[in-house]
Amino acid sequence: VQLQASGGGLVQAGGSLRLSCAASGSTISNYDMGWFRQAPGKEREFVAVIKWNSDGTYYADSVKGRFTGSRDNAKNTVYLQMNSLKPEDTAVYYCAARPGYSGTYYYTGRYNYNYWGQGTLVTVSS
């Protein structure tokens, strides 16, 4: 599966952005879809995951209550709605996919994901 993230940009603190991740080559309904981010000089970190078989979601504590992940299988696209943005949310955001298996475990490690998009830059000004 090929992934392409978009929707990043410059926004003031407290603002909102919606990121999109369009998939091709395979249907996302068979994959857990993850969002990660990497700030300058830092490791890539987990942000959110959407389960393939339940649309259940799990978030990093740093974004819980502010970010919402969703998927539209008909459009083969996943989204990350980001509200109440903070300067510390500034990073390159990546979408990722891993084949879904039965069960409810939420994979948060970057090495659990097989496919990655190219990233989209989000800059939050104070």
N, C-alpha and C. Protein backbone atom coordinates (compact mmCIF):
# COMPACT_ATOMS: atom_id res chain seq x y z
N VAL A 1 0.84 -1.18 0.00
CA VAL A 1 0.00 0.00 0.00
C VAL A 1 0.89 1.24 0.00
N GLN A 2 0.50 2.24 -0.82
CA GLN A 2 1.23 3.51 -0.86
C GLN A 2 0.39 4.56 -0.14
N LEU A 3 1.08 5.40 0.62
CA LEU A 3 0.40 6.40 1.45
C LEU A 3 0.91 7.79 1.12
N GLN A 4 0.00 8.75 1.10
CA GLN A 4 0.39 10.13 0.86
C GLN A 4 -0.34 11.03 1.83
N ALA A 5 0.41 11.66 2.70
CA ALA A 5 -0.15 12.57 3.69
C ALA A 5 -0.19 13.98 3.15
N SER A 6 -1.20 14.73 3.58
CA SER A 6 -1.34 16.12 3.18
C SER A 6 -2.12 16.86 4.26
N GLY A 7 -2.17 18.19 4.11
CA GLY A 7 -2.97 19.01 5.01
C GLY A 7 -2.18 19.79 6.03
N GLY A 8 -0.88 19.62 6.05
CA GLY A 8 -0.07 20.38 6.99
C GLY A 8 -0.01 21.85 6.61
N GLY A 9 0.54 22.64 7.52
CA GLY A 9 0.66 24.07 7.26
C GLY A 9 1.03 24.81 8.51
N LEU A 10 0.92 26.13 8.42
CA LEU A 10 1.23 27.02 9.54
C LEU A 10 -0.08 27.46 10.19
N VAL A 11 -0.15 27.33 11.50
CA VAL A 11 -1.36 27.71 12.23
C VAL A 11 -0.95 28.31 13.56
N GLN A 12 -1.77 29.21 14.07
CA GLN A 12 -1.50 29.81 15.37
C GLN A 12 -1.91 28.86 16.49
N ALA A 13 -1.29 29.02 17.61
CA ALA A 13 -1.65 28.23 18.78
C ALA A 13 -3.14 28.38 19.07
N GLY A 14 -3.78 27.27 19.38
CA GLY A 14 -5.21 27.26 19.61
C GLY A 14 -6.03 26.94 18.37
N GLY A 15 -5.38 26.95 17.22
CA GLY A 15 -6.07 26.68 15.97
C GLY A 15 -6.22 25.21 15.67
N SER A 16 -6.72 24.93 14.48
CA SER A 16 -7.02 23.55 14.07
C SER A 16 -6.48 23.28 12.67
N LEU A 17 -6.18 22.03 12.44
CA LEU A 17 -5.82 21.54 11.11
C LEU A 17 -6.38 20.13 10.98
N ARG A 18 -6.66 19.73 9.74
CA ARG A 18 -7.03 18.34 9.49
C ARG A 18 -6.04 17.76 8.48
N LEU A 19 -5.37 16.72 8.90
CA LEU A 19 -4.47 16.00 8.02
C LEU A 19 -5.22 14.87 7.34
N SER A 20 -4.81 14.60 6.11
CA SER A 20 -5.38 13.48 5.35
C SER A 20 -4.26 12.54 4.94
N CYS A 21 -4.60 11.29 4.80
CA CYS A 21 -3.65 10.29 4.31
C CYS A 21 -4.39 9.43 3.30
N ALA A 22 -4.07 9.63 2.04
CA ALA A 22 -4.72 8.89 0.96
C ALA A 22 -3.90 7.65 0.63
N ALA A 23 -4.58 6.52 0.55
CA ALA A 23 -3.91 5.26 0.27
C ALA A 23 -4.22 4.80 -1.15
N SER A 24 -3.28 4.09 -1.72
CA SER A 24 -3.47 3.47 -3.03
C SER A 24 -2.76 2.13 -3.06
N GLY A 25 -3.19 1.29 -3.95
CA GLY A 25 -2.55 -0.01 -4.09
C GLY A 25 -3.20 -1.09 -3.26
N SER A 26 -3.93 -0.72 -2.24
CA SER A 26 -4.63 -1.67 -1.40
C SER A 26 -5.67 -0.91 -0.60
N THR A 27 -6.65 -1.65 -0.10
CA THR A 27 -7.69 -1.00 0.67
C THR A 27 -7.30 -0.89 2.14
N ILE A 28 -7.53 0.30 2.71
CA ILE A 28 -7.12 0.53 4.09
C ILE A 28 -7.99 -0.24 5.08
N SER A 29 -9.09 -0.79 4.61
CA SER A 29 -9.96 -1.53 5.53
C SER A 29 -9.27 -2.77 6.09
N ASN A 30 -8.16 -3.17 5.49
CA ASN A 30 -7.41 -4.33 5.97
C ASN A 30 -6.22 -3.96 6.86
N TYR A 31 -6.09 -2.67 7.17
CA TYR A 31 -4.91 -2.20 7.87
C TYR A 31 -5.27 -1.39 9.12
N ASP A 32 -4.45 -1.57 10.16
CA ASP A 32 -4.41 -0.58 11.23
C ASP A 32 -3.69 0.65 10.66
N MET A 33 -4.26 1.81 10.90
CA MET A 33 -3.67 3.04 10.37
C MET A 33 -3.16 3.89 11.53
N GLY A 34 -1.90 4.24 11.46
CA GLY A 34 -1.28 5.01 12.53
C GLY A 34 -0.86 6.39 12.07
N TRP A 35 -0.76 7.29 13.04
CA TRP A 35 -0.18 8.61 12.83
C TRP A 35 1.00 8.76 13.78
N PHE A 36 2.10 9.26 13.26
CA PHE A 36 3.30 9.53 14.04
C PHE A 36 3.76 10.94 13.71
N ARG A 37 4.65 11.45 14.54
CA ARG A 37 5.23 12.75 14.25
C ARG A 37 6.68 12.80 14.69
N GLN A 38 7.42 13.68 14.04
CA GLN A 38 8.84 13.83 14.38
C GLN A 38 9.17 15.31 14.38
N ALA A 39 9.52 15.80 15.57
CA ALA A 39 9.95 17.18 15.72
C ALA A 39 11.45 17.26 15.46
N PRO A 40 11.95 18.46 15.11
CA PRO A 40 13.38 18.60 14.82
C PRO A 40 14.24 18.13 15.99
N GLY A 41 15.19 17.27 15.70
CA GLY A 41 16.11 16.79 16.72
C GLY A 41 15.55 15.75 17.65
N LYS A 42 14.35 15.27 17.37
CA LYS A 42 13.71 14.28 18.25
C LYS A 42 13.38 13.00 17.48
N GLU A 43 13.11 11.96 18.26
CA GLU A 43 12.73 10.69 17.66
C GLU A 43 11.28 10.78 17.14
N ARG A 44 11.00 9.92 16.18
CA ARG A 44 9.62 9.83 15.71
C ARG A 44 8.77 9.21 16.80
N GLU A 45 7.61 9.82 17.08
CA GLU A 45 6.78 9.35 18.18
C GLU A 45 5.36 9.06 17.72
N PHE A 46 4.75 8.15 18.45
CA PHE A 46 3.38 7.76 18.18
C PHE A 46 2.41 8.89 18.52
N VAL A 47 1.37 9.05 17.68
CA VAL A 47 0.33 10.04 17.93
C VAL A 47 -1.03 9.36 18.10
N ALA A 48 -1.41 8.52 17.11
CA ALA A 48 -2.75 7.91 17.14
C ALA A 48 -2.77 6.67 16.26
N VAL A 49 -3.71 5.79 16.55
CA VAL A 49 -3.92 4.62 15.70
C VAL A 49 -5.42 4.35 15.62
N ILE A 50 -5.83 3.87 14.45
CA ILE A 50 -7.22 3.50 14.19
C ILE A 50 -7.22 2.03 13.79
N LYS A 51 -7.96 1.23 14.54
CA LYS A 51 -7.99 -0.20 14.28
C LYS A 51 -8.70 -0.52 12.97
N TRP A 52 -8.25 -1.59 12.32
CA TRP A 52 -8.82 -1.96 11.02
C TRP A 52 -10.21 -2.55 11.15
N ASN A 53 -10.46 -3.25 12.27
CA ASN A 53 -11.67 -4.07 12.36
C ASN A 53 -12.75 -3.49 13.26
N SER A 54 -12.50 -2.34 13.86
CA SER A 54 -13.49 -1.79 14.79
C SER A 54 -13.57 -0.28 14.72
N ASP A 55 -12.67 0.33 14.01
CA ASP A 55 -12.54 1.79 14.02
C ASP A 55 -12.24 2.33 15.41
N GLY A 56 -11.86 1.44 16.32
CA GLY A 56 -11.42 1.92 17.62
C GLY A 56 -10.16 2.74 17.49
N THR A 57 -9.99 3.69 18.39
CA THR A 57 -8.84 4.57 18.33
C THR A 57 -8.09 4.59 19.65
N TYR A 58 -6.81 4.94 19.56
CA TYR A 58 -5.96 5.06 20.75
C TYR A 58 -5.00 6.21 20.48
N TYR A 59 -4.77 7.02 21.53
CA TYR A 59 -3.98 8.24 21.35
C TYR A 59 -2.84 8.32 22.36
N ALA A 60 -1.81 9.03 21.95
CA ALA A 60 -0.77 9.40 22.90
C ALA A 60 -1.36 10.35 23.93
N ASP A 61 -0.86 10.28 25.15
CA ASP A 61 -1.39 11.15 26.21
C ASP A 61 -1.27 12.63 25.84
N SER A 62 -0.23 12.97 25.10
CA SER A 62 0.02 14.38 24.78
C SER A 62 -1.03 14.99 23.85
N VAL A 63 -1.79 14.13 23.15
CA VAL A 63 -2.79 14.65 22.21
C VAL A 63 -4.21 14.24 22.56
N LYS A 64 -4.35 13.41 23.57
CA LYS A 64 -5.67 12.90 23.94
C LYS A 64 -6.60 14.06 24.28
N GLY A 65 -7.80 14.01 23.72
CA GLY A 65 -8.78 15.05 23.95
C GLY A 65 -8.68 16.21 22.97
N ARG A 66 -7.59 16.28 22.21
CA ARG A 66 -7.41 17.36 21.23
C ARG A 66 -7.40 16.84 19.79
N PHE A 67 -6.88 15.65 19.61
CA PHE A 67 -6.77 15.06 18.27
C PHE A 67 -7.79 13.94 18.12
N THR A 68 -8.31 13.79 16.91
CA THR A 68 -9.25 12.71 16.62
C THR A 68 -8.89 12.05 15.29
N GLY A 69 -8.70 10.75 15.34
CA GLY A 69 -8.42 10.00 14.12
C GLY A 69 -9.68 9.37 13.58
N SER A 70 -9.78 9.30 12.27
CA SER A 70 -10.93 8.66 11.64
C SER A 70 -10.52 8.10 10.30
N ARG A 71 -11.38 7.28 9.75
CA ARG A 71 -11.09 6.68 8.44
C ARG A 71 -12.34 6.68 7.61
N ASP A 72 -12.17 6.80 6.31
CA ASP A 72 -13.26 6.69 5.35
C ASP A 72 -12.84 5.63 4.36
N ASN A 73 -13.32 4.43 4.58
CA ASN A 73 -12.89 3.31 3.74
C ASN A 73 -13.33 3.49 2.29
N ALA A 74 -14.47 4.15 2.09
CA ALA A 74 -14.94 4.36 0.72
C ALA A 74 -13.98 5.25 -0.07
N LYS A 75 -13.36 6.19 0.63
CA LYS A 75 -12.39 7.09 -0.01
C LYS A 75 -10.96 6.59 0.14
N ASN A 76 -10.81 5.47 0.87
CA ASN A 76 -9.48 4.92 1.12
C ASN A 76 -8.55 5.96 1.75
N THR A 77 -9.09 6.67 2.71
CA THR A 77 -8.38 7.80 3.31
C THR A 77 -8.58 7.79 4.82
N VAL A 78 -7.53 8.15 5.54
CA VAL A 78 -7.65 8.38 6.98
C VAL A 78 -7.36 9.84 7.27
N TYR A 79 -7.87 10.28 8.41
CA TYR A 79 -7.77 11.69 8.78
C TYR A 79 -7.25 11.82 10.22
N LEU A 80 -6.66 12.96 10.47
CA LEU A 80 -6.30 13.32 11.83
C LEU A 80 -6.76 14.76 12.04
N GLN A 81 -7.83 14.92 12.78
CA GLN A 81 -8.33 16.25 13.13
C GLN A 81 -7.58 16.73 14.36
N MET A 82 -6.92 17.86 14.24
CA MET A 82 -6.09 18.39 15.32
C MET A 82 -6.67 19.73 15.78
N ASN A 83 -7.14 19.77 17.00
CA ASN A 83 -7.70 20.98 17.58
C ASN A 83 -6.84 21.47 18.74
N SER A 84 -7.05 22.69 19.12
CA SER A 84 -6.33 23.28 20.26
C SER A 84 -4.82 23.06 20.12
N LEU A 85 -4.31 23.35 18.96
CA LEU A 85 -2.91 23.08 18.68
C LEU A 85 -1.99 23.93 19.55
N LYS A 86 -0.86 23.33 19.90
CA LYS A 86 0.13 23.98 20.74
C LYS A 86 1.46 24.05 19.97
N PRO A 87 2.33 24.97 20.33
CA PRO A 87 3.63 25.04 19.66
C PRO A 87 4.39 23.71 19.72
N GLU A 88 4.21 22.97 20.79
CA GLU A 88 4.92 21.69 20.91
C GLU A 88 4.36 20.61 19.99
N ASP A 89 3.27 20.90 19.29
CA ASP A 89 2.77 19.97 18.28
C ASP A 89 3.49 20.14 16.95
N THR A 90 4.35 21.13 16.85
CA THR A 90 5.11 21.36 15.62
C THR A 90 5.98 20.15 15.30
N ALA A 91 5.80 19.61 14.10
CA ALA A 91 6.51 18.40 13.70
C ALA A 91 6.14 18.05 12.27
N VAL A 92 6.88 17.12 11.71
CA VAL A 92 6.45 16.46 10.48
C VAL A 92 5.58 15.29 10.88
N TYR A 93 4.39 15.22 10.33
CA TYR A 93 3.43 14.17 10.66
C TYR A 93 3.41 13.12 9.55
N TYR A 94 3.46 11.87 9.97
CA TYR A 94 3.49 10.75 9.05
C TYR A 94 2.29 9.84 9.30
N CYS A 95 1.71 9.32 8.22
CA CYS A 95 0.76 8.25 8.38
C CYS A 95 1.46 6.93 8.06
N ALA A 96 0.95 5.87 8.66
CA ALA A 96 1.59 4.56 8.52
C ALA A 96 0.52 3.48 8.55
N ALA A 97 0.85 2.32 8.03
CA ALA A 97 -0.11 1.23 7.97
C ALA A 97 0.57 -0.08 8.34
N ARG A 98 -0.20 -0.94 8.98
CA ARG A 98 0.26 -2.29 9.24
C ARG A 98 -0.91 -3.23 9.00
N PRO A 99 -0.67 -4.43 8.48
CA PRO A 99 -1.78 -5.35 8.24
C PRO A 99 -2.54 -5.62 9.53
N GLY A 100 -3.85 -5.61 9.42
CA GLY A 100 -4.67 -5.83 10.60
C GLY A 100 -4.82 -7.30 10.92
N TYR A 101 -4.82 -7.61 12.20
CA TYR A 101 -5.06 -8.96 12.68
C TYR A 101 -6.16 -8.90 13.72
N SER A 102 -6.83 -10.01 13.94
CA SER A 102 -7.90 -10.02 14.93
C SER A 102 -7.34 -9.70 16.30
N GLY A 103 -8.17 -9.09 17.11
CA GLY A 103 -7.71 -8.68 18.43
C GLY A 103 -7.86 -7.19 18.60
N THR A 104 -7.68 -6.74 19.82
CA THR A 104 -7.92 -5.34 20.13
C THR A 104 -6.65 -4.58 20.50
N TYR A 105 -5.50 -5.17 20.33
CA TYR A 105 -4.26 -4.50 20.73
C TYR A 105 -3.98 -3.32 19.82
N TYR A 106 -3.58 -2.22 20.42
CA TYR A 106 -3.23 -1.03 19.66
C TYR A 106 -1.71 -0.91 19.58
N TYR A 107 -1.20 -0.99 18.37
CA TYR A 107 0.24 -0.94 18.16
C TYR A 107 0.71 0.51 18.11
N THR A 108 1.65 0.85 18.96
CA THR A 108 2.13 2.22 19.05
C THR A 108 3.60 2.36 18.67
N GLY A 109 4.30 1.29 18.43
CA GLY A 109 5.71 1.37 18.09
C GLY A 109 5.90 1.61 16.61
N ARG A 110 6.84 2.45 16.26
CA ARG A 110 7.04 2.77 14.85
C ARG A 110 7.48 1.55 14.06
N TYR A 111 8.16 0.62 14.71
CA TYR A 111 8.67 -0.54 14.00
C TYR A 111 7.59 -1.60 13.79
N ASN A 112 6.40 -1.37 14.33
CA ASN A 112 5.27 -2.26 14.07
C ASN A 112 4.60 -1.97 12.74
N TYR A 113 4.97 -0.86 12.11
CA TYR A 113 4.29 -0.42 10.89
C TYR A 113 5.18 -0.66 9.67
N ASN A 114 4.56 -1.22 8.64
CA ASN A 114 5.30 -1.64 7.46
C ASN A 114 5.36 -0.58 6.37
N TYR A 115 4.34 0.27 6.31
CA TYR A 115 4.20 1.21 5.20
C TYR A 115 4.08 2.62 5.76
N TRP A 116 4.76 3.54 5.08
CA TRP A 116 4.82 4.94 5.54
C TRP A 116 4.57 5.90 4.40
N GLY A 117 3.89 7.00 4.73
CA GLY A 117 3.77 8.11 3.80
C GLY A 117 4.98 9.01 3.92
N GLN A 118 4.99 10.08 3.13
CA GLN A 118 6.17 10.93 3.04
C GLN A 118 6.21 12.02 4.10
N GLY A 119 5.13 12.24 4.83
CA GLY A 119 5.13 13.25 5.86
C GLY A 119 4.61 14.60 5.39
N THR A 120 3.98 15.30 6.31
CA THR A 120 3.50 16.65 6.04
C THR A 120 3.82 17.52 7.25
N LEU A 121 4.33 18.71 7.01
CA LEU A 121 4.84 19.57 8.08
C LEU A 121 3.72 20.40 8.70
N VAL A 122 3.65 20.34 10.01
CA VAL A 122 2.73 21.17 10.79
C VAL A 122 3.56 22.10 11.66
N THR A 123 3.31 23.39 11.53
CA THR A 123 4.01 24.39 12.33
C THR A 123 2.99 25.20 13.10
N VAL A 124 3.14 25.22 14.41
CA VAL A 124 2.22 25.95 15.28
C VAL A 124 2.98 27.10 15.90
N SER A 125 2.54 28.30 15.61
CA SER A 125 3.20 29.48 16.14
C SER A 125 2.55 29.93 17.44
N SER A 126 3.35 30.50 18.31
CA SER A 126 2.84 30.94 19.62
C SER A 126 2.33 32.37 19.57
